[in-house]
PDB file of N, CA and C in Angstrom:
ATOM      1  N   MET A   1      98.395 -59.687   5.754  1.00  0.00           N
ATOM      2  CA  MET A   1      99.860 -59.058   5.804  1.00  0.00           C
ATOM      3  C   MET A   1      99.289 -57.498   5.976  1.00  0.00           C
ATOM      4  N   LEU A   2     100.095 -56.837   6.823  1.00  0.00           N
ATOM      5  CA  LEU A   2     100.025 -55.396   7.021  1.00  0.00           C
ATOM      6  C   LEU A   2     100.582 -54.695   6.000  1.00  0.00           C
ATOM      7  N   ASP A   3      99.959 -53.844   5.456  1.00  0.00           N
ATOM      8  CA  ASP A   3     100.500 -52.937   4.415  1.00  0.00           C
ATOM      9  C   ASP A   3     101.431 -51.730   5.248  1.00  0.00           C
ATOM     10  N   LEU A   4     101.988 -50.857   4.581  1.00  0.00           N
ATOM     11  CA  LEU A   4     102.802 -49.970   5.211  1.00  0.00           C
ATOM     12  C   LEU A   4     101.909 -48.748   5.692  1.00  0.00           C
ATOM     13  N   GLU A   5     100.778 -48.688   5.078  1.00  0.00           N
ATOM     14  CA  GLU A   5      99.863 -47.559   5.683  1.00  0.00           C
ATOM     15  C   GLU A   5      99.397 -48.172   7.063  1.00  0.00           C
ATOM     16  N   GLN A   6      98.942 -49.401   7.097  1.00  0.00           N
ATOM     17  CA  GLN A   6      98.407 -49.742   8.229  1.00  0.00           C
ATOM     18  C   GLN A   6      99.288 -49.827   9.434  1.00  0.00           C
ATOM     19  N   LEU A   7     100.599 -50.298   9.011  1.00  0.00           N
ATOM     20  CA  LEU A   7     101.612 -50.349   9.999  1.00  0.00           C
ATOM     21  C   LEU A   7     101.966 -49.048  10.503  1.00  0.00           C
ATOM     22  N   GLY A   8     102.147 -48.019   9.766  1.00  0.00           N
ATOM     23  CA  GLY A   8     102.307 -46.700  10.245  1.00  0.00           C
ATOM     24  C   GLY A   8     101.111 -46.169  11.138  1.00  0.00           C
ATOM     25  N   ALA A   9     100.004 -46.370  10.752  1.00  0.00           N
ATOM     26  CA  ALA A   9      98.805 -46.006  11.451  1.00  0.00           C
ATOM     27  C   ALA A   9      99.003 -46.585  12.972  1.00  0.00           C
ATOM     28  N   SER A  10      99.206 -47.863  12.855  1.00  0.00           N
ATOM     29  CA  SER A  10      99.398 -48.577  14.144  1.00  0.00           C
ATOM     30  C   SER A  10     100.406 -47.928  15.125  1.00  0.00           C
ATOM     31  N   ALA A  11     101.592 -47.781  14.460  1.00  0.00           N
ATOM     32  CA  ALA A  11     102.724 -47.073  15.122  1.00  0.00           C
ATOM     33  C   ALA A  11     102.483 -45.904  15.652  1.00  0.00           C
ATOM     34  N   MET A  12     101.732 -44.988  14.976  1.00  0.00           N
ATOM     35  CA  MET A  12     101.557 -43.515  15.285  1.00  0.00           C
ATOM     36  C   MET A  12     100.411 -43.828  16.473  1.00  0.00           C
ATOM     37  N   GLU A  13      99.518 -44.639  16.500  1.00  0.00           N
ATOM     38  CA  GLU A  13      98.566 -44.944  17.454  1.00  0.00           C
ATOM     39  C   GLU A  13      99.280 -45.077  18.879  1.00  0.00           C
ATOM     40  N   ILE A  14     100.227 -45.944  18.721  1.00  0.00           N
ATOM     41  CA  ILE A  14     100.963 -46.463  19.962  1.00  0.00           C
ATOM     42  C   ILE A  14     101.778 -45.191  20.450  1.00  0.00           C
ATOM     43  N   ILE A  15     102.426 -44.409  19.572  1.00  0.00           N
ATOM     44  CA  ILE A  15     103.231 -43.304  19.955  1.00  0.00           C
ATOM     45  C   ILE A  15     102.445 -42.209  20.531  1.00  0.00           C
ATOM     46  N   ALA A  16     101.194 -41.940  19.967  1.00  0.00           N
ATOM     47  CA  ALA A  16     100.190 -40.913  20.690  1.00  0.00           C
ATOM     48  C   ALA A  16      99.870 -41.510  22.070  1.00  0.00           C
ATOM     49  N   TYR A  17      99.333 -42.395  22.230  1.00  0.00           N
ATOM     50  CA  TYR A  17      99.035 -43.020  23.392  1.00  0.00           C
ATOM     51  C   TYR A  17     100.081 -43.150  24.464  1.00  0.00           C
ATOM     52  N   ALA A  18     101.153 -43.532  24.134  1.00  0.00           N
ATOM     53  CA  ALA A  18     102.398 -43.551  25.091  1.00  0.00           C
ATOM     54  C   ALA A  18     102.719 -42.109  25.542  1.00  0.00           C
ATOM     55  N   GLY A  19     102.742 -41.181  24.405  1.00  0.00           N
ATOM     56  CA  GLY A  19     103.232 -39.861  24.850  1.00  0.00           C
ATOM     57  C   GLY A  19     102.154 -39.186  25.852  1.00  0.00           C
ATOM     58  N   VAL A  20     100.895 -39.380  25.757  1.00  0.00           N
ATOM     59  CA  VAL A  20      99.924 -38.895  26.602  1.00  0.00           C
ATOM     60  C   VAL A  20     100.061 -39.473  28.033  1.00  0.00           C
ATOM     61  N   ALA A  21     100.206 -40.839  28.016  1.00  0.00           N
ATOM     62  CA  ALA A  21     100.558 -41.513  29.446  1.00  0.00           C
ATOM     63  C   ALA A  21     101.727 -40.934  29.941  1.00  0.00           C
ATOM     64  N   LYS A  22     102.843 -40.864  29.107  1.00  0.00           N
ATOM     65  CA  LYS A  22     104.021 -40.255  29.772  1.00  0.00           C
ATOM     66  C   LYS A  22     103.946 -38.927  30.545  1.00  0.00           C
ATOM     67  N   SER A  23     103.144 -38.221  29.597  1.00  0.00           N
ATOM     68  CA  SER A  23     102.725 -36.634  30.130  1.00  0.00           C
ATOM     69  C   SER A  23     102.050 -36.939  31.547  1.00  0.00           C
ATOM     70  N   ASN A  24     100.941 -37.820  31.529  1.00  0.00           N
ATOM     71  CA  ASN A  24     100.307 -37.936  32.775  1.00  0.00           C
ATOM     72  C   ASN A  24     101.220 -38.292  33.991  1.00  0.00           C
ATOM     73  N   TYR A  25     102.225 -39.367  33.759  1.00  0.00           N
ATOM     74  CA  TYR A  25     103.246 -39.660  34.682  1.00  0.00           C
ATOM     75  C   TYR A  25     104.058 -38.567  35.163  1.00  0.00           C
ATOM     76  N   VAL A  26     104.737 -37.758  34.131  1.00  0.00           N
ATOM     77  CA  VAL A  26     105.462 -36.513  34.702  1.00  0.00           C
ATOM     78  C   VAL A  26     104.667 -35.521  35.485  1.00  0.00           C
ATOM     79  N   GLU A  27     103.290 -35.503  35.092  1.00  0.00           N
ATOM     80  CA  GLU A  27     102.624 -34.459  35.852  1.00  0.00           C
ATOM     81  C   GLU A  27     102.328 -35.144  37.203  1.00  0.00           C
ATOM     82  N   ALA A  28     102.115 -36.503  37.425  1.00  0.00           N
ATOM     83  CA  ALA A  28     102.133 -36.895  38.759  1.00  0.00           C
ATOM     84  C   ALA A  28     103.212 -36.594  39.697  1.00  0.00           C
ATOM     85  N   ALA A  29     104.325 -36.657  38.994  1.00  0.00           N
ATOM     86  CA  ALA A  29     105.628 -36.472  39.809  1.00  0.00           C
ATOM     87  C   ALA A  29     105.689 -35.006  40.262  1.00  0.00           C
ATOM     88  N   HIS A  30     105.062 -34.033  39.436  1.00  0.00           N
ATOM     89  CA  HIS A  30     105.157 -32.645  39.600  1.00  0.00           C
ATOM     90  C   HIS A  30     104.198 -32.444  40.752  1.00  0.00           C
ATOM     91  N   LEU A  31     102.882 -33.165  40.655  1.00  0.00           N
ATOM     92  CA  LEU A  31     102.005 -32.915  41.890  1.00  0.00           C
ATOM     93  C   LEU A  31     102.581 -33.431  43.147  1.00  0.00           C
ATOM     94  N   ALA A  32     103.453 -34.574  43.048  1.00  0.00           N
ATOM     95  CA  ALA A  32     103.859 -34.907  44.328  1.00  0.00           C
ATOM     96  C   ALA A  32     104.785 -34.065  44.985  1.00  0.00           C
ATOM     97  N   ARG A  33     105.641 -33.293  44.002  1.00  0.00           N
ATOM     98  CA  ARG A  33     106.497 -32.254  44.798  1.00  0.00           C
ATOM     99  C   ARG A  33     105.762 -31.107  45.259  1.00  0.00           C
ATOM    100  N   ALA A  34     104.524 -31.019  45.101  1.00  0.00           N
ATOM    101  CA  ALA A  34     103.546 -30.084  45.698  1.00  0.00           C
ATOM    102  C   ALA A  34     102.849 -30.616  46.891  1.00  0.00           C
ATOM    103  N   TYR A  35     103.100 -32.032  47.143  1.00  0.00           N
ATOM    104  CA  TYR A  35     102.463 -32.825  48.243  1.00  0.00           C
ATOM    105  C   TYR A  35     100.993 -32.969  47.798  1.00  0.00           C
ATOM    106  N   GLN A  36     100.697 -33.057  46.610  1.00  0.00           N
ATOM    107  CA  GLN A  36      99.241 -33.276  46.069  1.00  0.00           C
ATOM    108  C   GLN A  36      99.158 -34.730  45.785  1.00  0.00           C
ATOM    109  N   PHE A  37      99.306 -35.588  46.740  1.00  0.00           N
ATOM    110  CA  PHE A  37      99.499 -37.183  46.557  1.00  0.00           C
ATOM    111  C   PHE A  37      98.145 -37.755  45.936  1.00  0.00           C
ATOM    112  N   GLU A  38      97.139 -37.384  46.312  1.00  0.00           N
ATOM    113  CA  GLU A  38      95.710 -37.745  45.834  1.00  0.00           C
ATOM    114  C   GLU A  38      95.702 -37.501  44.129  1.00  0.00           C
ATOM    115  N   ASP A  39      95.947 -36.203  43.999  1.00  0.00           N
ATOM    116  CA  ASP A  39      95.886 -35.856  42.441  1.00  0.00           C
ATOM    117  C   ASP A  39      97.011 -36.531  41.631  1.00  0.00           C
ATOM    118  N   ALA A  40      98.206 -36.586  42.276  1.00  0.00           N
ATOM    119  CA  ALA A  40      99.247 -37.281  41.735  1.00  0.00           C
ATOM    120  C   ALA A  40      98.777 -38.729  41.071  1.00  0.00           C
ATOM    121  N   MET A  41      98.138 -39.541  42.169  1.00  0.00           N
ATOM    122  CA  MET A  41      97.755 -40.922  42.005  1.00  0.00           C
ATOM    123  C   MET A  41      96.426 -40.976  41.240  1.00  0.00           C
ATOM    124  N   LYS A  42      95.869 -39.931  40.945  1.00  0.00           N
ATOM    125  CA  LYS A  42      94.788 -39.762  39.729  1.00  0.00           C
ATOM    126  C   LYS A  42      95.420 -39.804  38.413  1.00  0.00           C
ATOM    127  N   LYS A  43      96.625 -38.874  38.481  1.00  0.00           N
ATOM    128  CA  LYS A  43      97.437 -38.819  37.205  1.00  0.00           C
ATOM    129  C   LYS A  43      97.965 -40.299  36.807  1.00  0.00           C
ATOM    130  N   ILE A  44      98.428 -40.951  37.750  1.00  0.00           N
ATOM    131  CA  ILE A  44      99.015 -42.253  37.457  1.00  0.00           C
ATOM    132  C   ILE A  44      97.966 -43.087  36.813  1.00  0.00           C
ATOM    133  N   ASP A  45      96.764 -43.033  37.437  1.00  0.00           N
ATOM    134  CA  ASP A  45      95.666 -43.905  36.936  1.00  0.00           C
ATOM    135  C   ASP A  45      95.055 -43.543  35.572  1.00  0.00           C
ATOM    136  N   GLU A  46      95.210 -42.245  35.305  1.00  0.00           N
ATOM    137  CA  GLU A  46      94.940 -41.826  33.913  1.00  0.00           C
ATOM    138  C   GLU A  46      95.904 -42.166  33.076  1.00  0.00           C
ATOM    139  N   GLY A  47      97.065 -41.996  33.292  1.00  0.00           N
ATOM    140  CA  GLY A  47      98.216 -42.680  32.554  1.00  0.00           C
ATOM    141  C   GLY A  47      98.076 -44.257  32.208  1.00  0.00           C
ATOM    142  N   ASP A  48      97.657 -44.815  33.226  1.00  0.00           N
ATOM    143  CA  ASP A  48      97.515 -46.357  33.073  1.00  0.00           C
ATOM    144  C   ASP A  48      96.476 -46.584  32.067  1.00  0.00           C
ATOM    145  N   ALA A  49      95.407 -45.802  31.907  1.00  0.00           N
ATOM    146  CA  ALA A  49      94.231 -46.076  31.157  1.00  0.00           C
ATOM    147  C   ALA A  49      94.567 -45.775  29.797  1.00  0.00           C
ATOM    148  N   VAL A  50      95.425 -44.755  29.709  1.00  0.00           N
ATOM    149  CA  VAL A  50      95.839 -44.455  28.300  1.00  0.00           C
ATOM    150  C   VAL A  50      96.872 -45.351  27.783  1.00  0.00           C
ATOM    151  N   LEU A  51      97.740 -45.855  28.689  1.00  0.00           N
ATOM    152  CA  LEU A  51      98.980 -46.739  28.303  1.00  0.00           C
ATOM    153  C   LEU A  51      98.223 -48.089  28.022  1.00  0.00           C
ATOM    154  N   LYS A  52      97.204 -48.540  28.455  1.00  0.00           N
ATOM    155  CA  LYS A  52      96.400 -49.729  28.054  1.00  0.00           C
ATOM    156  C   LYS A  52      96.058 -49.687  26.688  1.00  0.00           C
ATOM    157  N   ASN A  53      95.641 -48.610  26.131  1.00  0.00           N
ATOM    158  CA  ASN A  53      95.384 -48.339  24.720  1.00  0.00           C
ATOM    159  C   ASN A  53      96.541 -48.698  23.767  1.00  0.00           C
ATOM    160  N   ALA A  54      97.898 -48.114  24.336  1.00  0.00           N
ATOM    161  CA  ALA A  54      99.186 -48.352  23.558  1.00  0.00           C
ATOM    162  C   ALA A  54      99.311 -49.738  23.626  1.00  0.00           C
ATOM    163  N   HIS A  55      99.189 -50.401  24.689  1.00  0.00           N
ATOM    164  CA  HIS A  55      99.485 -51.848  24.970  1.00  0.00           C
ATOM    165  C   HIS A  55      98.612 -52.593  23.937  1.00  0.00           C
ATOM    166  N   ASP A  56      97.251 -52.208  23.969  1.00  0.00           N
ATOM    167  CA  ASP A  56      96.300 -52.868  23.003  1.00  0.00           C
ATOM    168  C   ASP A  56      96.748 -52.930  21.566  1.00  0.00           C
ATOM    169  N   ALA A  57      97.141 -51.571  21.162  1.00  0.00           N
ATOM    170  CA  ALA A  57      97.405 -51.352  19.707  1.00  0.00           C
ATOM    171  C   ALA A  57      98.828 -52.156  19.476  1.00  0.00           C
ATOM    172  N   HIS A  58      99.604 -52.216  20.416  1.00  0.00           N
ATOM    173  CA  HIS A  58     100.972 -52.924  20.280  1.00  0.00           C
ATOM    174  C   HIS A  58     100.723 -54.660  20.136  1.00  0.00           C
ATOM    175  N   LEU A  59      99.823 -55.015  20.958  1.00  0.00           N
ATOM    176  CA  LEU A  59      99.376 -56.233  20.729  1.00  0.00           C
ATOM    177  C   LEU A  59      98.673 -56.883  19.550  1.00  0.00           C
ATOM    178  N   VAL A  60      98.023 -55.837  18.837  1.00  0.00           N
ATOM    179  CA  VAL A  60      97.371 -56.200  17.706  1.00  0.00           C
ATOM    180  C   VAL A  60      98.489 -56.355  16.535  1.00  0.00           C
ATOM    181  N   LEU A  61      99.401 -55.349  16.677  1.00  0.00           N
ATOM    182  CA  LEU A  61     100.630 -55.434  15.744  1.00  0.00           C
ATOM    183  C   LEU A  61     101.341 -56.843  15.879  1.00  0.00           C
ATOM    184  N   LEU A  62     101.599 -57.214  17.157  1.00  0.00           N
ATOM    185  CA  LEU A  62     102.244 -58.552  17.301  1.00  0.00           C
ATOM    186  C   LEU A  62     101.446 -59.703  16.968  1.00  0.00           C
ATOM    187  N   GLN A  63     100.200 -59.717  17.005  1.00  0.00           N
ATOM    188  CA  GLN A  63      99.414 -60.641  16.789  1.00  0.00           C
ATOM    189  C   GLN A  63      99.271 -60.822  14.982  1.00  0.00           C
ATOM    190  N   LYS A  64      99.137 -59.710  14.328  1.00  0.00           N
ATOM    191  CA  LYS A  64      99.157 -59.658  12.858  1.00  0.00           C
ATOM    192  C   LYS A  64     100.548 -60.176  12.380  1.00  0.00           C
ATOM    193  N   GLU A  65     101.602 -59.761  12.995  1.00  0.00           N
ATOM    194  CA  GLU A  65     102.914 -60.197  12.575  1.00  0.00           C
ATOM    195  C   GLU A  65     103.238 -61.619  12.661  1.00  0.00           C
ATOM    196  N   ALA A  66     102.611 -62.238  13.873  1.00  0.00           N
ATOM    197  CA  ALA A  66     102.600 -63.737  14.021  1.00  0.00           C
ATOM    198  C   ALA A  66     101.669 -64.377  13.089  1.00  0.00           C
ATOM    199  N   GLN A  67     100.615 -63.905  12.749  1.00  0.00           N
ATOM    200  CA  GLN A  67      99.794 -64.501  11.625  1.00  0.00           C
ATOM    201  C   GLN A  67     100.394 -64.467  10.201  1.00  0.00           C
ATOM    202  N   ASP A  68     100.901 -63.507   9.952  1.00  0.00           N
ATOM    203  CA  ASP A  68     101.688 -63.129   8.702  1.00  0.00           C
ATOM    204  C   ASP A  68     102.960 -64.045   8.355  1.00  0.00           C
ATOM    205  N   ASN A  69     103.536 -64.320   9.727  1.00  0.00           N
ATOM    206  CA  ASN A  69     104.706 -65.076   9.794  1.00  0.00           C
ATOM    207  C   ASN A  69     105.895 -64.359   8.953  1.00  0.00           C
ATOM    208  N   THR A  70     105.645 -63.112   8.698  1.00  0.00           N
ATOM    209  CA  THR A  70     106.639 -62.273   7.854  1.00  0.00           C
ATOM    210  C   THR A  70     106.914 -61.024   8.705  1.00  0.00           C
ATOM    211  N   PRO A  71     108.042 -60.901   9.570  1.00  0.00           N
ATOM    212  CA  PRO A  71     108.257 -59.857  10.432  1.00  0.00           C
ATOM    213  C   PRO A  71     108.516 -58.626   9.638  1.00  0.00           C
ATOM    214  N   GLN A  72     107.522 -57.567   9.889  1.00  0.00           N
ATOM    215  CA  GLN A  72     107.820 -56.190   9.377  1.00  0.00           C
ATOM    216  C   GLN A  72     108.226 -55.208  10.375  1.00  0.00           C
ATOM    217  N   VAL A  73     109.485 -54.805  10.215  1.00  0.00           N
ATOM    218  CA  VAL A  73     109.919 -53.836  11.238  1.00  0.00           C
ATOM    219  C   VAL A  73     110.267 -52.630  10.486  1.00  0.00           C
ATOM    220  N   SER A  74     109.708 -51.593  11.019  1.00  0.00           N
ATOM    221  CA  SER A  74     110.156 -50.263  10.314  1.00  0.00           C
ATOM    222  C   SER A  74     110.552 -49.418  11.370  1.00  0.00           C
ATOM    223  N   MET A  75     111.249 -48.256  11.013  1.00  0.00           N
ATOM    224  CA  MET A  75     111.820 -47.360  12.137  1.00  0.00           C
ATOM    225  C   MET A  75     110.734 -46.784  12.868  1.00  0.00           C
ATOM    226  N   LEU A  76     109.566 -46.507  12.381  1.00  0.00           N
ATOM    227  CA  LEU A  76     108.403 -46.042  12.964  1.00  0.00           C
ATOM    228  C   LEU A  76     107.893 -47.017  13.931  1.00  0.00           C
ATOM    229  N   VAL A  77     107.957 -48.198  13.701  1.00  0.00           N
ATOM    230  CA  VAL A  77     107.289 -49.225  14.765  1.00  0.00           C
ATOM    231  C   VAL A  77     108.494 -49.309  15.789  1.00  0.00           C
ATOM    232  N   LEU A  78     109.711 -49.292  15.586  1.00  0.00           N
ATOM    233  CA  LEU A  78     110.768 -49.299  16.667  1.00  0.00           C
ATOM    234  C   LEU A  78     110.719 -48.122  17.479  1.00  0.00           C
ATOM    235  N   HIS A  79     110.515 -46.796  16.990  1.00  0.00           N
ATOM    236  CA  HIS A  79     110.070 -45.624  17.657  1.00  0.00           C
ATOM    237  C   HIS A  79     108.894 -45.846  18.537  1.00  0.00           C
ATOM    238  N   ALA A  80     107.846 -46.455  17.960  1.00  0.00           N
ATOM    239  CA  ALA A  80     106.792 -46.647  18.851  1.00  0.00           C
ATOM    240  C   ALA A  80     106.954 -47.575  19.830  1.00  0.00           C
ATOM    241  N   GLU A  81     107.806 -48.571  19.777  1.00  0.00           N
ATOM    242  CA  GLU A  81     107.959 -49.572  20.912  1.00  0.00           C
ATOM    243  C   GLU A  81     108.720 -48.632  21.834  1.00  0.00           C
ATOM    244  N   ASP A  82     109.772 -47.858  21.528  1.00  0.00           N
ATOM    245  CA  ASP A  82     110.526 -47.181  22.353  1.00  0.00           C
ATOM    246  C   ASP A  82     109.837 -46.402  23.310  1.00  0.00           C
ATOM    247  N   GLN A  83     108.851 -45.556  22.616  1.00  0.00           N
ATOM    248  CA  GLN A  83     107.991 -44.524  23.278  1.00  0.00           C
ATOM    249  C   GLN A  83     107.164 -45.421  24.424  1.00  0.00           C
ATOM    250  N   PHE A  84     106.630 -46.719  23.921  1.00  0.00           N
ATOM    251  CA  PHE A  84     105.861 -47.415  24.784  1.00  0.00           C
ATOM    252  C   PHE A  84     106.542 -47.860  26.030  1.00  0.00           C
ATOM    253  N   MET A  85     107.823 -48.306  25.811  1.00  0.00           N
ATOM    254  CA  MET A  85     108.775 -48.771  26.984  1.00  0.00           C
ATOM    255  C   MET A  85     108.978 -47.541  27.826  1.00  0.00           C
ATOM    256  N   SER A  86     109.407 -46.487  27.186  1.00  0.00           N
ATOM    257  CA  SER A  86     109.762 -45.356  28.044  1.00  0.00           C
ATOM    258  C   SER A  86     108.677 -44.727  28.952  1.00  0.00           C
ATOM    259  N   SER A  87     107.305 -44.940  28.487  1.00  0.00           N
ATOM    260  CA  SER A  87     106.411 -44.461  29.205  1.00  0.00           C
ATOM    261  C   SER A  87     106.276 -45.319  30.561  1.00  0.00           C
ATOM    262  N   GLU A  88     106.439 -46.911  30.178  1.00  0.00           N
ATOM    263  CA  GLU A  88     106.355 -47.633  31.410  1.00  0.00           C
ATOM    264  C   GLU A  88     107.488 -47.376  32.438  1.00  0.00           C
ATOM    265  N   THR A  89     108.703 -47.062  31.885  1.00  0.00           N
ATOM    266  CA  THR A  89     109.731 -46.628  33.008  1.00  0.00           C
ATOM    267  C   THR A  89     109.380 -45.376  33.485  1.00  0.00           C
ATOM    268  N   MET A  90     108.853 -44.285  32.911  1.00  0.00           N
ATOM    269  CA  MET A  90     108.304 -43.077  33.574  1.00  0.00           C
ATOM    270  C   MET A  90     107.224 -43.290  34.789  1.00  0.00           C
ATOM    271  N   LYS A  91     106.438 -44.376  34.398  1.00  0.00           N
ATOM    272  CA  LYS A  91     105.392 -44.610  35.472  1.00  0.00           C
ATOM    273  C   LYS A  91     106.178 -44.971  36.729  1.00  0.00           C
ATOM    274  N   LEU A  92     107.114 -46.030  36.667  1.00  0.00           N
ATOM    275  CA  LEU A  92     107.894 -46.606  37.698  1.00  0.00           C
ATOM    276  C   LEU A  92     108.611 -45.368  38.415  1.00  0.00           C
ATOM    277  N   LEU A  93     109.193 -44.707  37.793  1.00  0.00           N
ATOM    278  CA  LEU A  93     109.849 -43.420  38.256  1.00  0.00           C
ATOM    279  C   LEU A  93     109.010 -42.373  38.902  1.00  0.00           C
ATOM    280  N   ALA A  94     107.904 -42.189  38.420  1.00  0.00           N
ATOM    281  CA  ALA A  94     106.809 -41.386  39.051  1.00  0.00           C
ATOM    282  C   ALA A  94     106.407 -41.974  40.244  1.00  0.00           C
ATOM    283  N   LEU A  95     106.222 -43.167  40.358  1.00  0.00           N
ATOM    284  CA  LEU A  95     105.689 -43.794  41.523  1.00  0.00           C
ATOM    285  C   LEU A  95     106.734 -43.784  42.699  1.00  0.00           C
ATOM    286  N   GLU A  96     107.952 -43.763  42.414  1.00  0.00           N
ATOM    287  CA  GLU A  96     109.247 -43.757  43.406  1.00  0.00           C
ATOM    288  C   GLU A  96     109.108 -42.205  43.753  1.00  0.00           C
ATOM    289  N   ILE A  97     108.925 -41.355  42.839  1.00  0.00           N
ATOM    290  CA  ILE A  97     109.092 -39.863  43.352  1.00  0.00           C
ATOM    291  C   ILE A  97     108.012 -39.609  44.233  1.00  0.00           C
ATOM    292  N   ILE A  98     106.900 -40.245  43.804  1.00  0.00           N
ATOM    293  CA  ILE A  98     105.723 -39.929  44.841  1.00  0.00           C
ATOM    294  C   ILE A  98     106.020 -40.497  46.241  1.00  0.00           C
ATOM    295  N   GLU A  99     106.482 -41.405  46.398  1.00  0.00           N
ATOM    296  CA  GLU A  99     106.919 -42.083  47.658  1.00  0.00           C
ATOM    297  C   GLU A  99     108.150 -41.324  48.405  1.00  0.00           C
ATOM    298  N   VAL A 100     108.912 -40.965  47.484  1.00  0.00           N
ATOM    299  CA  VAL A 100     109.965 -40.055  48.129  1.00  0.00           C
ATOM    300  C   VAL A 100     109.439 -38.713  48.900  1.00  0.00           C
ATOM    301  N   TYR A 101     108.496 -38.009  47.967  1.00  0.00           N
ATOM    302  CA  TYR A 101     107.805 -37.078  48.582  1.00  0.00           C
ATOM    303  C   TYR A 101     106.988 -37.119  49.783  1.00  0.00           C
ATOM    304  N   ARG A 102     106.360 -38.477  49.627  1.00  0.00           N
ATOM    305  CA  ARG A 102     105.758 -38.712  50.942  1.00  0.00           C
ATOM    306  C   ARG A 102     106.434 -38.962  52.088  1.00  0.00           C
ATOM    307  N   LYS A 103     107.545 -39.357  52.095  1.00  0.00           N
ATOM    308  CA  LYS A 103     108.564 -39.616  53.170  1.00  0.00           C
ATOM    309  C   LYS A 103     108.931 -38.265  53.532  1.00  0.00           C
ATOM    310  N   LEU A 104     109.504 -37.423  52.577  1.00  0.00           N
ATOM    311  CA  LEU A 104     109.955 -36.103  52.879  1.00  0.00           C
ATOM    312  C   LEU A 104     108.747 -35.151  53.715  1.00  0.00           C
ATOM    313  N   GLN A 105     107.645 -35.246  53.161  1.00  0.00           N
ATOM    314  CA  GLN A 105     106.588 -34.548  53.838  1.00  0.00           C
ATOM    315  C   GLN A 105     106.349 -35.184  55.349  1.00  0.00           C
ATOM    316  N   ASN A 106     106.415 -36.317  55.664  1.00  0.00           N
ATOM    317  CA  ASN A 106     106.360 -36.933  56.837  1.00  0.00           C
ATOM    318  C   ASN A 106     107.517 -36.558  57.853  1.00  0.00           C
ATOM    319  N   LEU A 107     108.735 -36.474  57.274  1.00  0.00           N
ATOM    320  CA  LEU A 107     109.774 -35.979  58.008  1.00  0.00           C
ATOM    321  C   LEU A 107     109.810 -34.418  58.462  1.00  0.00           C
ATOM    322  N   GLU A 108     109.212 -33.743  57.296  1.00  0.00           N
ATOM    323  CA  GLU A 108     109.063 -32.173  57.785  1.00  0.00           C
ATOM    324  C   GLU A 108     107.939 -32.076  58.809  1.00  0.00           C
ATOM    325  N   LYS A 109     106.835 -32.842  58.837  1.00  0.00           N
ATOM    326  CA  LYS A 109     105.932 -32.920  59.900  1.00  0.00           C
ATOM    327  C   LYS A 109     106.652 -33.100  61.212  1.00  0.00           C
ATOM    328  N   ALA A 110     107.438 -34.118  61.064  1.00  0.00           N
ATOM    329  CA  ALA A 110     108.092 -34.642  62.466  1.00  0.00           C
ATOM    330  C   ALA A 110     109.149 -33.662  62.901  1.00  0.00           C
ATOM    331  N   ALA A 111     109.628 -32.780  62.214  1.00  0.00           N
ATOM    332  CA  ALA A 111     110.454 -31.800  62.510  1.00  0.00           C
ATOM    333  C   ALA A 111     110.067 -30.780  63.307  1.00  0.00           C
TER     334      ALA A 111
END
């Protein structure tokens, strides 16, 4: 069974990794605005690598909860999951923004 200290540490790990990933995705969108698509995609890749750590930490929490058969939900864990999901959403938006700027650049070149 996870004690509150372990639960809090795991939640903070997820929050930290998700925050770094989200920052990378936002930076990717900013790079796309400057038509720096190669650098933007590198930031997406960096965000993905960090988000994998958040995913792994989340999976450990879920596995421990399943083993304990006693769900432990805290506000900190809920916040961690929210940050994790918002990072995934930011990635999708950043990829769309990159594509929009690619099309805009192509239109500007054609004009």
